Amino acid sequence: MGAIVGYRRVSSIEQNFDRQLEGLKLDEIFEDKASGKDTKRPALQECLRFLRKGDILVVHSIDRLARNLGDLERMVSELNDKGVAVKFEKENLTFSGDDNPMNVLMRQMMASFAQFERALIRERQREGIQAAKAKGKHMGRTASLTTLQVAEIKARVAAGETKKALAVEYRVSRPTLYAALERVAG
């Protein structure tokens, strides 16, 4: 029998892994504090490279591994082809490559629910942003330069001063200064 390897993921730095895989004896564990929107997560990629034939990958729940059906199917299939079993604790499902059609259906349904949930979150987020904008709330980062400062800079550039010196004086990067001048010109 190979290693029992755990993978845990939370979406933000403030969250913790405490409830995931609690009390399980694991030979190795990989942890990501990153969104599950795709599979480009450092610890996940390291985990996938680490796994060998005969190993079991244990994940708290399907949505901790993948948030869409395509990613989940690809990862589980690739791991199974490599001889690695994948176990999801919360759903009490294990996939080893010789799964019956009902197990495959359950995996696909659970992944579809995770994908649907992610779509709902994004939709609510968009609606919240639109509502805030409708109320006149500013979205995004505060501008580094005020409209008055940009007008002053524009006049000084026209008078022959260098943009580099003005960027230093106003304590902004040259790209920020160029972008501000471009917005005024555009």
N, C-alpha and C. Protein backbone atom coordinates (compact mmCIF):
# COMPACT_ATOMS: atom_id res chain seq x y z
N MET A 1 0.84 -1.18 0.00
CA MET A 1 0.00 0.00 0.00
C MET A 1 0.88 1.24 0.00
N GLY A 2 0.45 2.25 -0.73
CA GLY A 2 1.20 3.49 -0.84
C GLY A 2 0.89 4.46 0.29
N ALA A 3 1.26 5.69 0.06
CA ALA A 3 1.07 6.76 1.04
C ALA A 3 -0.37 7.26 1.04
N ILE A 4 -0.79 7.74 2.20
CA ILE A 4 -2.09 8.41 2.30
C ILE A 4 -1.76 9.90 2.36
N VAL A 5 -2.16 10.59 1.30
CA VAL A 5 -1.79 11.99 1.11
C VAL A 5 -3.03 12.86 1.22
N GLY A 6 -2.94 13.91 2.00
CA GLY A 6 -4.06 14.83 2.16
C GLY A 6 -3.85 16.10 1.39
N TYR A 7 -4.96 16.64 0.89
CA TYR A 7 -4.93 17.96 0.26
C TYR A 7 -6.02 18.80 0.89
N ARG A 8 -5.62 19.99 1.37
CA ARG A 8 -6.58 20.91 2.00
C ARG A 8 -6.48 22.26 1.30
N ARG A 9 -7.65 22.91 1.15
CA ARG A 9 -7.67 24.23 0.53
C ARG A 9 -8.70 25.12 1.20
N VAL A 10 -8.29 26.36 1.44
CA VAL A 10 -9.22 27.40 1.85
C VAL A 10 -9.06 28.54 0.85
N SER A 11 -10.07 29.38 0.76
CA SER A 11 -10.08 30.42 -0.28
C SER A 11 -9.30 31.68 0.07
N SER A 12 -9.11 31.95 1.36
CA SER A 12 -8.42 33.19 1.71
C SER A 12 -7.47 32.98 2.88
N ILE A 13 -6.57 33.92 3.03
CA ILE A 13 -5.54 33.84 4.06
C ILE A 13 -6.14 33.83 5.46
N GLU A 14 -7.28 34.53 5.65
CA GLU A 14 -7.90 34.61 6.97
C GLU A 14 -8.51 33.28 7.41
N GLN A 15 -8.85 32.42 6.46
CA GLN A 15 -9.48 31.14 6.81
C GLN A 15 -8.43 30.14 7.28
N ASN A 16 -8.89 29.10 7.98
CA ASN A 16 -7.94 28.07 8.43
C ASN A 16 -8.42 26.69 8.00
N PHE A 17 -7.52 25.73 8.12
CA PHE A 17 -7.76 24.36 7.65
C PHE A 17 -8.34 23.45 8.73
N ASP A 18 -8.60 23.98 9.92
CA ASP A 18 -8.93 23.17 11.10
C ASP A 18 -9.92 22.04 10.86
N ARG A 19 -11.04 22.30 10.21
CA ARG A 19 -12.08 21.27 10.07
C ARG A 19 -11.78 20.26 8.96
N GLN A 20 -10.86 20.58 8.09
CA GLN A 20 -10.58 19.70 6.95
C GLN A 20 -9.63 18.57 7.34
N LEU A 21 -10.07 17.36 7.14
CA LEU A 21 -9.27 16.14 7.37
C LEU A 21 -8.85 15.99 8.82
N GLU A 22 -9.66 16.56 9.69
CA GLU A 22 -9.39 16.52 11.13
C GLU A 22 -9.39 15.07 11.63
N GLY A 23 -8.36 14.71 12.37
CA GLY A 23 -8.28 13.40 13.00
C GLY A 23 -7.82 12.27 12.09
N LEU A 24 -7.53 12.54 10.82
CA LEU A 24 -7.07 11.48 9.92
C LEU A 24 -5.55 11.34 10.00
N LYS A 25 -5.08 10.09 9.91
CA LYS A 25 -3.64 9.85 9.89
C LYS A 25 -3.18 9.94 8.44
N LEU A 26 -2.37 10.95 8.16
CA LEU A 26 -1.89 11.19 6.81
C LEU A 26 -0.37 11.12 6.78
N ASP A 27 0.17 10.53 5.73
CA ASP A 27 1.62 10.45 5.58
C ASP A 27 2.22 11.77 5.09
N GLU A 28 1.43 12.50 4.34
CA GLU A 28 1.89 13.78 3.77
C GLU A 28 0.66 14.65 3.59
N ILE A 29 0.83 15.96 3.71
CA ILE A 29 -0.31 16.87 3.52
C ILE A 29 0.14 18.11 2.73
N PHE A 30 -0.71 18.53 1.83
CA PHE A 30 -0.46 19.71 1.02
C PHE A 30 -1.60 20.69 1.27
N GLU A 31 -1.26 21.99 1.41
CA GLU A 31 -2.27 22.99 1.75
C GLU A 31 -2.14 24.22 0.87
N ASP A 32 -3.28 24.68 0.36
CA ASP A 32 -3.33 25.91 -0.43
C ASP A 32 -4.28 26.90 0.22
N LYS A 33 -3.89 28.15 0.21
CA LYS A 33 -4.80 29.25 0.58
C LYS A 33 -5.00 30.01 -0.72
N ALA A 34 -5.95 29.54 -1.51
CA ALA A 34 -6.17 30.09 -2.85
C ALA A 34 -7.57 29.73 -3.34
N SER A 35 -8.04 30.49 -4.29
CA SER A 35 -9.35 30.24 -4.90
C SER A 35 -9.33 28.89 -5.60
N GLY A 36 -10.48 28.25 -5.64
CA GLY A 36 -10.60 26.98 -6.34
C GLY A 36 -11.07 27.13 -7.77
N LYS A 37 -11.05 28.35 -8.30
CA LYS A 37 -11.58 28.60 -9.63
C LYS A 37 -10.83 27.84 -10.72
N ASP A 38 -9.56 27.54 -10.49
CA ASP A 38 -8.80 26.74 -11.45
C ASP A 38 -7.81 25.86 -10.70
N THR A 39 -7.01 25.12 -11.42
CA THR A 39 -6.08 24.18 -10.77
C THR A 39 -4.67 24.73 -10.66
N LYS A 40 -4.47 26.01 -10.94
CA LYS A 40 -3.15 26.63 -10.86
C LYS A 40 -2.87 27.08 -9.44
N ARG A 41 -2.78 26.08 -8.55
CA ARG A 41 -2.49 26.33 -7.14
C ARG A 41 -1.18 25.63 -6.80
N PRO A 42 -0.24 26.33 -6.17
CA PRO A 42 1.10 25.76 -5.94
C PRO A 42 1.10 24.42 -5.21
N ALA A 43 0.41 24.33 -4.08
CA ALA A 43 0.44 23.09 -3.30
C ALA A 43 -0.28 21.97 -4.05
N LEU A 44 -1.34 22.29 -4.78
CA LEU A 44 -2.03 21.26 -5.56
C LEU A 44 -1.10 20.69 -6.62
N GLN A 45 -0.42 21.57 -7.33
CA GLN A 45 0.50 21.11 -8.37
C GLN A 45 1.63 20.26 -7.77
N GLU A 46 2.15 20.67 -6.62
CA GLU A 46 3.18 19.91 -5.92
C GLU A 46 2.62 18.54 -5.50
N CYS A 47 1.41 18.53 -4.99
CA CYS A 47 0.75 17.29 -4.56
C CYS A 47 0.59 16.33 -5.74
N LEU A 48 0.12 16.85 -6.87
CA LEU A 48 -0.09 16.00 -8.05
C LEU A 48 1.22 15.39 -8.54
N ARG A 49 2.32 16.16 -8.43
CA ARG A 49 3.64 15.62 -8.82
C ARG A 49 4.13 14.57 -7.81
N PHE A 50 3.77 14.75 -6.54
CA PHE A 50 4.22 13.87 -5.46
C PHE A 50 3.58 12.48 -5.53
N LEU A 51 2.30 12.42 -5.91
CA LEU A 51 1.54 11.17 -5.85
C LEU A 51 2.11 10.09 -6.76
N ARG A 52 2.14 8.84 -6.23
CA ARG A 52 2.66 7.68 -6.96
C ARG A 52 1.63 6.56 -6.98
N LYS A 53 1.85 5.59 -7.83
CA LYS A 53 0.96 4.44 -7.93
C LYS A 53 0.80 3.79 -6.55
N GLY A 54 -0.45 3.51 -6.20
CA GLY A 54 -0.75 2.90 -4.91
C GLY A 54 -1.10 3.88 -3.81
N ASP A 55 -0.85 5.18 -4.07
CA ASP A 55 -1.18 6.21 -3.09
C ASP A 55 -2.69 6.48 -3.08
N ILE A 56 -3.15 7.09 -1.99
CA ILE A 56 -4.54 7.53 -1.89
C ILE A 56 -4.51 9.02 -1.58
N LEU A 57 -5.18 9.80 -2.42
CA LEU A 57 -5.32 11.22 -2.17
C LEU A 57 -6.63 11.43 -1.42
N VAL A 58 -6.54 12.05 -0.25
CA VAL A 58 -7.73 12.29 0.58
C VAL A 58 -7.99 13.80 0.59
N VAL A 59 -9.22 14.17 0.23
CA VAL A 59 -9.63 15.57 0.18
C VAL A 59 -10.90 15.71 1.00
N HIS A 60 -11.03 16.81 1.74
CA HIS A 60 -12.20 17.01 2.60
C HIS A 60 -13.50 16.90 1.80
N SER A 61 -13.60 17.63 0.69
CA SER A 61 -14.80 17.57 -0.14
C SER A 61 -14.45 17.93 -1.57
N ILE A 62 -15.34 17.57 -2.48
CA ILE A 62 -15.10 17.76 -3.90
C ILE A 62 -14.77 19.22 -4.22
N ASP A 63 -15.50 20.16 -3.61
CA ASP A 63 -15.26 21.57 -3.95
C ASP A 63 -13.92 22.09 -3.45
N ARG A 64 -13.25 21.37 -2.56
CA ARG A 64 -11.91 21.76 -2.12
C ARG A 64 -10.89 21.42 -3.19
N LEU A 65 -11.17 20.40 -4.02
CA LEU A 65 -10.25 20.00 -5.08
C LEU A 65 -10.52 20.77 -6.36
N ALA A 66 -11.79 20.87 -6.75
CA ALA A 66 -12.14 21.53 -8.01
C ALA A 66 -13.51 22.17 -7.91
N ARG A 67 -13.68 23.27 -8.65
CA ARG A 67 -14.96 23.98 -8.65
C ARG A 67 -15.70 23.83 -9.96
N ASN A 68 -15.15 23.04 -10.88
CA ASN A 68 -15.91 22.79 -12.10
C ASN A 68 -15.72 21.34 -12.54
N LEU A 69 -16.70 20.87 -13.24
CA LEU A 69 -16.76 19.46 -13.64
C LEU A 69 -15.56 19.06 -14.48
N GLY A 70 -15.17 19.91 -15.42
CA GLY A 70 -14.05 19.58 -16.31
C GLY A 70 -12.75 19.34 -15.54
N ASP A 71 -12.42 20.28 -14.62
CA ASP A 71 -11.19 20.13 -13.84
C ASP A 71 -11.24 18.88 -12.97
N LEU A 72 -12.38 18.65 -12.33
CA LEU A 72 -12.51 17.49 -11.45
C LEU A 72 -12.34 16.19 -12.24
N GLU A 73 -13.06 16.07 -13.34
CA GLU A 73 -12.99 14.86 -14.15
C GLU A 73 -11.57 14.61 -14.64
N ARG A 74 -10.92 15.67 -15.11
CA ARG A 74 -9.56 15.54 -15.63
C ARG A 74 -8.61 15.07 -14.53
N MET A 75 -8.65 15.74 -13.36
CA MET A 75 -7.73 15.39 -12.27
C MET A 75 -7.96 13.97 -11.77
N VAL A 76 -9.22 13.63 -11.51
CA VAL A 76 -9.51 12.28 -11.00
C VAL A 76 -9.11 11.23 -12.02
N SER A 77 -9.41 11.45 -13.30
CA SER A 77 -9.04 10.48 -14.35
C SER A 77 -7.52 10.33 -14.45
N GLU A 78 -6.81 11.46 -14.45
CA GLU A 78 -5.34 11.39 -14.55
C GLU A 78 -4.75 10.67 -13.34
N LEU A 79 -5.27 10.94 -12.16
CA LEU A 79 -4.76 10.26 -10.96
C LEU A 79 -5.09 8.78 -10.99
N ASN A 80 -6.31 8.45 -11.39
CA ASN A 80 -6.69 7.04 -11.48
C ASN A 80 -5.84 6.30 -12.51
N ASP A 81 -5.57 6.95 -13.65
CA ASP A 81 -4.72 6.34 -14.69
C ASP A 81 -3.31 6.09 -14.16
N LYS A 82 -2.88 6.91 -13.21
CA LYS A 82 -1.56 6.80 -12.60
C LYS A 82 -1.55 5.75 -11.48
N GLY A 83 -2.74 5.21 -11.16
CA GLY A 83 -2.84 4.23 -10.09
C GLY A 83 -3.09 4.83 -8.73
N VAL A 84 -3.54 6.08 -8.69
CA VAL A 84 -3.83 6.78 -7.44
C VAL A 84 -5.34 6.82 -7.22
N ALA A 85 -5.78 6.43 -6.04
CA ALA A 85 -7.20 6.52 -5.68
C ALA A 85 -7.46 7.90 -5.09
N VAL A 86 -8.67 8.41 -5.30
CA VAL A 86 -9.04 9.72 -4.77
C VAL A 86 -10.25 9.54 -3.88
N LYS A 87 -10.11 10.01 -2.61
CA LYS A 87 -11.19 9.85 -1.64
C LYS A 87 -11.66 11.22 -1.17
N PHE A 88 -12.99 11.43 -1.20
CA PHE A 88 -13.59 12.66 -0.71
C PHE A 88 -14.31 12.32 0.59
N GLU A 89 -13.80 12.85 1.69
CA GLU A 89 -14.31 12.52 3.03
C GLU A 89 -15.77 12.91 3.23
N LYS A 90 -16.10 14.16 2.96
CA LYS A 90 -17.43 14.67 3.25
C LYS A 90 -18.51 13.90 2.48
N GLU A 91 -18.24 13.59 1.23
CA GLU A 91 -19.21 12.89 0.39
C GLU A 91 -19.13 11.37 0.55
N ASN A 92 -18.08 10.91 1.26
CA ASN A 92 -17.83 9.48 1.46
C ASN A 92 -17.77 8.74 0.12
N LEU A 93 -17.00 9.30 -0.80
CA LEU A 93 -16.83 8.71 -2.13
C LEU A 93 -15.35 8.47 -2.39
N THR A 94 -15.04 7.31 -2.96
CA THR A 94 -13.67 6.99 -3.35
C THR A 94 -13.68 6.56 -4.80
N PHE A 95 -12.73 7.09 -5.57
CA PHE A 95 -12.63 6.76 -6.99
C PHE A 95 -11.25 6.17 -7.25
N SER A 96 -11.25 4.97 -7.82
CA SER A 96 -9.99 4.27 -8.04
C SER A 96 -9.75 3.93 -9.50
N GLY A 97 -10.66 4.29 -10.37
CA GLY A 97 -10.48 4.01 -11.79
C GLY A 97 -11.35 2.87 -12.27
N ASP A 98 -11.73 1.99 -11.36
CA ASP A 98 -12.61 0.88 -11.75
C ASP A 98 -14.00 1.12 -11.15
N ASP A 99 -14.42 2.39 -11.16
CA ASP A 99 -15.65 2.79 -10.51
C ASP A 99 -16.89 2.35 -11.30
N ASN A 100 -17.93 2.05 -10.54
CA ASN A 100 -19.17 1.68 -11.20
C ASN A 100 -19.86 2.95 -11.71
N PRO A 101 -20.79 2.81 -12.64
CA PRO A 101 -21.46 3.98 -13.22
C PRO A 101 -22.13 4.88 -12.17
N MET A 102 -22.65 4.33 -11.08
CA MET A 102 -23.30 5.14 -10.06
C MET A 102 -22.29 6.06 -9.37
N ASN A 103 -21.08 5.55 -9.09
CA ASN A 103 -20.04 6.39 -8.48
C ASN A 103 -19.65 7.54 -9.41
N VAL A 104 -19.51 7.23 -10.69
CA VAL A 104 -19.15 8.26 -11.66
C VAL A 104 -20.25 9.32 -11.72
N LEU A 105 -21.50 8.89 -11.74
CA LEU A 105 -22.62 9.83 -11.75
C LEU A 105 -22.59 10.72 -10.51
N MET A 106 -22.34 10.13 -9.34
CA MET A 106 -22.29 10.90 -8.09
C MET A 106 -21.18 11.95 -8.14
N ARG A 107 -20.02 11.56 -8.64
CA ARG A 107 -18.89 12.50 -8.74
C ARG A 107 -19.26 13.66 -9.66
N GLN A 108 -19.86 13.35 -10.80
CA GLN A 108 -20.22 14.39 -11.75
C GLN A 108 -21.31 15.31 -11.20
N MET A 109 -22.26 14.74 -10.48
CA MET A 109 -23.32 15.56 -9.89
C MET A 109 -22.74 16.49 -8.83
N MET A 110 -21.88 15.97 -7.97
CA MET A 110 -21.29 16.78 -6.91
C MET A 110 -20.44 17.91 -7.51
N ALA A 111 -19.69 17.60 -8.57
CA ALA A 111 -18.88 18.63 -9.23
C ALA A 111 -19.77 19.67 -9.88
N SER A 112 -20.87 19.23 -10.45
CA SER A 112 -21.81 20.18 -11.07
C SER A 112 -22.41 21.10 -10.02
N PHE A 113 -22.71 20.58 -8.85
CA PHE A 113 -23.23 21.41 -7.77
C PHE A 113 -22.20 22.45 -7.35
N ALA A 114 -20.94 22.05 -7.25
CA ALA A 114 -19.88 22.98 -6.88
C ALA A 114 -19.73 24.08 -7.93
N GLN A 115 -19.80 23.69 -9.20
CA GLN A 115 -19.69 24.65 -10.29
C GLN A 115 -20.88 25.61 -10.27
N PHE A 116 -22.07 25.09 -10.02
CA PHE A 116 -23.28 25.91 -9.94
C PHE A 116 -23.17 26.89 -8.77
N GLU A 117 -22.68 26.41 -7.64
CA GLU A 117 -22.51 27.27 -6.46
C GLU A 117 -21.56 28.41 -6.76
N ARG A 118 -20.46 28.12 -7.45
CA ARG A 118 -19.50 29.16 -7.81
C ARG A 118 -20.15 30.18 -8.73
N ALA A 119 -20.95 29.74 -9.68
CA ALA A 119 -21.64 30.65 -10.60
C ALA A 119 -22.60 31.55 -9.82
N LEU A 120 -23.29 30.99 -8.84
CA LEU A 120 -24.21 31.79 -8.02
C LEU A 120 -23.45 32.85 -7.22
N ILE A 121 -22.32 32.48 -6.67
CA ILE A 121 -21.50 33.43 -5.91
C ILE A 121 -21.07 34.58 -6.81
N ARG A 122 -20.59 34.26 -8.01
CA ARG A 122 -20.16 35.31 -8.94
C ARG A 122 -21.33 36.21 -9.33
N GLU A 123 -22.51 35.62 -9.53
CA GLU A 123 -23.68 36.40 -9.90
C GLU A 123 -24.07 37.35 -8.76
N ARG A 124 -24.08 36.84 -7.52
CA ARG A 124 -24.40 37.70 -6.37
C ARG A 124 -23.37 38.81 -6.22
N GLN A 125 -22.13 38.50 -6.48
CA GLN A 125 -21.07 39.50 -6.40
C GLN A 125 -21.29 40.60 -7.43
N ARG A 126 -21.61 40.21 -8.67
CA ARG A 126 -21.90 41.20 -9.73
C ARG A 126 -23.09 42.08 -9.35
N GLU A 127 -24.14 41.44 -8.83
CA GLU A 127 -25.33 42.19 -8.42
C GLU A 127 -25.00 43.19 -7.31
N GLY A 128 -24.17 42.78 -6.36
CA GLY A 128 -23.76 43.65 -5.27
C GLY A 128 -22.96 44.84 -5.77
N ILE A 129 -22.08 44.59 -6.72
CA ILE A 129 -21.27 45.67 -7.30
C ILE A 129 -22.17 46.65 -8.05
N GLN A 130 -23.11 46.13 -8.84
CA GLN A 130 -24.03 47.01 -9.57
C GLN A 130 -24.88 47.84 -8.61
N ALA A 131 -25.35 47.24 -7.54
CA ALA A 131 -26.16 47.97 -6.55
C ALA A 131 -25.34 49.07 -5.89
N ALA A 132 -24.10 48.76 -5.56
CA ALA A 132 -23.22 49.76 -4.93
C ALA A 132 -22.95 50.91 -5.89
N LYS A 133 -22.69 50.60 -7.16
CA LYS A 133 -22.46 51.65 -8.16
C LYS A 133 -23.70 52.51 -8.33
N ALA A 134 -24.87 51.88 -8.33
CA ALA A 134 -26.13 52.63 -8.48
C ALA A 134 -26.32 53.60 -7.33
N LYS A 135 -25.80 53.26 -6.16
CA LYS A 135 -25.90 54.14 -4.98
C LYS A 135 -24.78 55.18 -4.96
N GLY A 136 -23.93 55.16 -6.00
CA GLY A 136 -22.86 56.15 -6.09
C GLY A 136 -21.60 55.77 -5.35
N LYS A 137 -21.49 54.54 -4.90
CA LYS A 137 -20.29 54.09 -4.19
C LYS A 137 -19.15 53.91 -5.20
N HIS A 138 -17.97 54.32 -4.78
CA HIS A 138 -16.78 54.16 -5.62
C HIS A 138 -16.31 52.71 -5.53
N MET A 139 -16.05 52.11 -6.66
CA MET A 139 -15.55 50.74 -6.70
C MET A 139 -14.09 50.76 -7.11
N GLY A 140 -13.31 49.91 -6.52
CA GLY A 140 -11.91 49.81 -6.87
C GLY A 140 -11.04 50.70 -6.01
N ARG A 141 -9.78 50.77 -6.38
CA ARG A 141 -8.79 51.51 -5.63
C ARG A 141 -8.99 53.02 -5.79
N THR A 142 -8.66 53.77 -4.77
CA THR A 142 -8.72 55.23 -4.82
C THR A 142 -7.64 55.73 -5.77
N ALA A 143 -7.96 56.73 -6.57
CA ALA A 143 -7.01 57.28 -7.54
C ALA A 143 -5.78 57.83 -6.81
N SER A 144 -4.61 57.61 -7.39
CA SER A 144 -3.35 58.09 -6.80
C SER A 144 -3.20 59.60 -6.97
N LEU A 145 -3.80 60.14 -8.03
CA LEU A 145 -3.71 61.57 -8.31
C LEU A 145 -5.11 62.15 -8.43
N THR A 146 -5.29 63.32 -7.85
CA THR A 146 -6.59 63.99 -7.97
C THR A 146 -6.70 64.63 -9.35
N THR A 147 -7.89 65.04 -9.71
CA THR A 147 -8.11 65.71 -10.99
C THR A 147 -7.30 67.00 -11.06
N LEU A 148 -7.23 67.71 -9.95
CA LEU A 148 -6.46 68.96 -9.88
C LEU A 148 -4.97 68.68 -10.10
N GLN A 149 -4.45 67.63 -9.45
CA GLN A 149 -3.03 67.28 -9.61
C GLN A 149 -2.73 66.91 -11.06
N VAL A 150 -3.63 66.18 -11.70
CA VAL A 150 -3.40 65.78 -13.09
C VAL A 150 -3.38 67.02 -13.99
N ALA A 151 -4.26 67.97 -13.72
CA ALA A 151 -4.28 69.21 -14.50
C ALA A 151 -2.97 69.98 -14.32
N GLU A 152 -2.48 70.04 -13.07
CA GLU A 152 -1.20 70.71 -12.79
C GLU A 152 -0.07 70.02 -13.55
N ILE A 153 -0.04 68.70 -13.48
CA ILE A 153 1.03 67.93 -14.14
C ILE A 153 0.98 68.17 -15.65
N LYS A 154 -0.22 68.16 -16.20
CA LYS A 154 -0.37 68.37 -17.65
C LYS A 154 0.19 69.73 -18.05
N ALA A 155 -0.13 70.74 -17.26
CA ALA A 155 0.38 72.09 -17.55
C ALA A 155 1.90 72.14 -17.43
N ARG A 156 2.45 71.50 -16.44
CA ARG A 156 3.90 71.51 -16.23
C ARG A 156 4.63 70.73 -17.31
N VAL A 157 4.02 69.63 -17.79
CA VAL A 157 4.62 68.88 -18.90
C VAL A 157 4.61 69.75 -20.15
N ALA A 158 3.51 70.47 -20.38
CA ALA A 158 3.41 71.37 -21.54
C ALA A 158 4.45 72.49 -21.45
N ALA A 159 4.82 72.86 -20.21
CA ALA A 159 5.83 73.91 -19.99
C ALA A 159 7.26 73.37 -20.10
N GLY A 160 7.40 72.05 -20.31
CA GLY A 160 8.73 71.49 -20.55
C GLY A 160 9.31 70.63 -19.45
N GLU A 161 8.62 70.46 -18.33
CA GLU A 161 9.15 69.61 -17.25
C GLU A 161 9.03 68.13 -17.66
N THR A 162 9.94 67.31 -17.14
CA THR A 162 9.93 65.90 -17.53
C THR A 162 8.90 65.12 -16.68
N LYS A 163 8.32 64.15 -17.33
CA LYS A 163 7.33 63.30 -16.65
C LYS A 163 8.00 62.50 -15.54
N LYS A 164 9.25 62.12 -15.78
CA LYS A 164 9.98 61.35 -14.77
C LYS A 164 10.13 62.15 -13.47
N ALA A 165 10.52 63.40 -13.59
CA ALA A 165 10.71 64.26 -12.40
C ALA A 165 9.37 64.51 -11.71
N LEU A 166 8.31 64.70 -12.50
CA LEU A 166 6.99 64.94 -11.92
C LEU A 166 6.46 63.69 -11.20
N ALA A 167 6.74 62.53 -11.74
CA ALA A 167 6.32 61.29 -11.09
C ALA A 167 7.00 61.16 -9.73
N VAL A 168 8.28 61.50 -9.66
CA VAL A 168 9.01 61.45 -8.38
C VAL A 168 8.41 62.47 -7.41
N GLU A 169 8.17 63.67 -7.88
CA GLU A 169 7.64 64.74 -7.02
C GLU A 169 6.26 64.37 -6.46
N TYR A 170 5.40 63.79 -7.30
CA TYR A 170 4.04 63.45 -6.87
C TYR A 170 3.96 62.04 -6.24
N ARG A 171 5.11 61.40 -6.14
CA ARG A 171 5.22 60.07 -5.50
C ARG A 171 4.31 59.02 -6.14
N VAL A 172 4.37 58.96 -7.46
CA VAL A 172 3.65 57.92 -8.21
C VAL A 172 4.61 57.33 -9.22
N SER A 173 4.30 56.15 -9.71
CA SER A 173 5.14 55.55 -10.73
C SER A 173 4.91 56.27 -12.06
N ARG A 174 5.87 56.14 -12.96
CA ARG A 174 5.70 56.76 -14.28
C ARG A 174 4.49 56.17 -15.01
N PRO A 175 4.27 54.83 -14.97
CA PRO A 175 3.07 54.30 -15.64
C PRO A 175 1.77 54.90 -15.07
N THR A 176 1.73 55.14 -13.74
CA THR A 176 0.54 55.76 -13.14
C THR A 176 0.36 57.17 -13.67
N LEU A 177 1.46 57.92 -13.75
CA LEU A 177 1.40 59.28 -14.27
C LEU A 177 0.95 59.28 -15.73
N TYR A 178 1.54 58.39 -16.55
CA TYR A 178 1.16 58.32 -17.96
C TYR A 178 -0.32 57.96 -18.12
N ALA A 179 -0.79 57.01 -17.30
CA ALA A 179 -2.20 56.59 -17.39
C ALA A 179 -3.13 57.73 -17.01
N ALA A 180 -2.76 58.50 -16.00
CA ALA A 180 -3.59 59.63 -15.56
C ALA A 180 -3.65 60.69 -16.67
N LEU A 181 -2.52 60.97 -17.28
CA LEU A 181 -2.49 61.95 -18.38
C LEU A 181 -3.28 61.44 -19.59
N GLU A 182 -3.20 60.16 -19.83
CA GLU A 182 -3.94 59.54 -20.95
C GLU A 182 -5.45 59.67 -20.74
N ARG A 183 -5.90 59.46 -19.48
CA ARG A 183 -7.33 59.57 -19.18
C ARG A 183 -7.83 60.99 -19.42
N VAL A 184 -6.98 61.97 -19.07
CA VAL A 184 -7.37 63.38 -19.25
C VAL A 184 -7.41 63.70 -20.75
N ALA A 185 -6.43 63.18 -21.50
CA ALA A 185 -6.36 63.45 -22.93
C ALA A 185 -7.48 62.72 -23.68
N GLY A 186 -7.87 61.52 -23.16
CA GLY A 186 -8.85 60.67 -23.85
C GLY A 186 -10.21 61.09 -23.62
